[in-house]
């Protein structure tokens, strides 16, 4: 582990703190939107990208 931390230029303490930390509110919100994003992407034959997907998600009532 020490070699990986050295390569990434982080302390072992910072790594273990990150590893044991709870999910941030932003990460939780992104995970909640993931099923909607995937559904929109599949529904539109994988042609919708970020801008169109965001509009569709907002139409469904999700906050971005």
Protein backbone atom coordinates (compact mmCIF):
# COMPACT_ATOMS: atom_id res chain seq x y z
CA UNK A 1 0.00 0.00 0.00
CA UNK A 2 2.85 2.36 0.80
CA UNK A 3 4.18 2.13 -2.77
CA UNK A 4 0.77 2.89 -4.28
CA UNK A 5 0.31 5.90 -2.02
CA UNK A 6 3.78 7.13 -2.87
CA UNK A 7 3.09 6.75 -6.60
CA UNK A 8 -0.19 8.67 -6.26
CA UNK A 9 1.50 11.23 -4.02
CA UNK A 10 -0.97 10.79 -1.13
CA UNK A 11 -0.30 9.88 2.45
CA UNK A 12 -1.44 6.53 3.77
CA UNK A 13 -3.52 8.36 6.35
CA UNK A 14 -5.35 10.29 3.62
CA UNK A 15 -5.98 7.09 1.70
CA UNK A 16 -7.46 5.29 4.70
CA UNK A 17 -9.55 8.33 5.60
CA UNK A 18 -10.95 8.41 2.05
CA UNK A 19 -11.56 4.65 2.11
CA UNK A 20 -13.58 4.74 5.34
CA UNK A 21 -15.45 7.97 4.66
CA UNK A 22 -19.17 8.04 3.98
CA UNK A 23 -20.61 8.76 0.56
CA UNK A 24 -20.88 12.49 -0.04
CA UNK A 25 -24.26 14.05 -0.73
CA UNK A 26 -23.15 14.83 -4.28
CA UNK A 27 -22.15 11.21 -4.91
CA UNK A 28 -25.46 10.01 -3.47
CA UNK A 29 -27.40 12.39 -5.74
CA UNK A 30 -25.43 11.22 -8.79
CA UNK A 31 -26.07 7.57 -7.91
CA UNK A 32 -29.79 8.31 -7.56
CA UNK A 33 -29.88 9.79 -11.08
CA UNK A 34 -27.94 6.98 -12.70
CA UNK A 35 -30.93 4.70 -13.42
CA UNK A 36 -32.83 7.59 -15.05
CA UNK A 37 -29.82 8.51 -17.19
CA UNK A 38 -29.37 4.92 -18.34
CA UNK A 39 -33.07 4.57 -19.14
CA UNK A 40 -33.07 7.76 -21.24
CA UNK A 41 -29.91 6.69 -23.03
CA UNK A 42 -31.37 3.28 -23.94
CA UNK A 43 -34.80 4.67 -24.81
CA UNK A 44 -33.30 7.07 -27.34
CA UNK A 45 -31.18 4.37 -28.98
CA UNK A 46 -27.98 5.56 -27.32
CA UNK A 47 -28.07 8.84 -29.23
CA UNK A 48 -28.73 11.25 -26.36
CA UNK A 49 -25.70 12.79 -24.72
CA UNK A 50 -25.28 15.09 -21.73
CA UNK A 51 -27.30 18.12 -22.81
CA UNK A 52 -30.35 16.24 -24.06
CA UNK A 53 -30.22 13.79 -21.18
CA UNK A 54 -30.15 16.67 -18.68
CA UNK A 55 -33.23 18.21 -20.30
CA UNK A 56 -35.07 14.88 -20.17
CA UNK A 57 -34.09 14.32 -16.53
CA UNK A 58 -35.39 17.76 -15.61
CA UNK A 59 -38.66 17.06 -17.45
CA UNK A 60 -39.04 13.96 -15.27
CA UNK A 61 -38.82 16.18 -12.20
CA UNK A 62 -35.28 15.46 -11.05
CA UNK A 63 -33.10 18.31 -9.85
CA UNK A 64 -29.65 18.71 -11.33
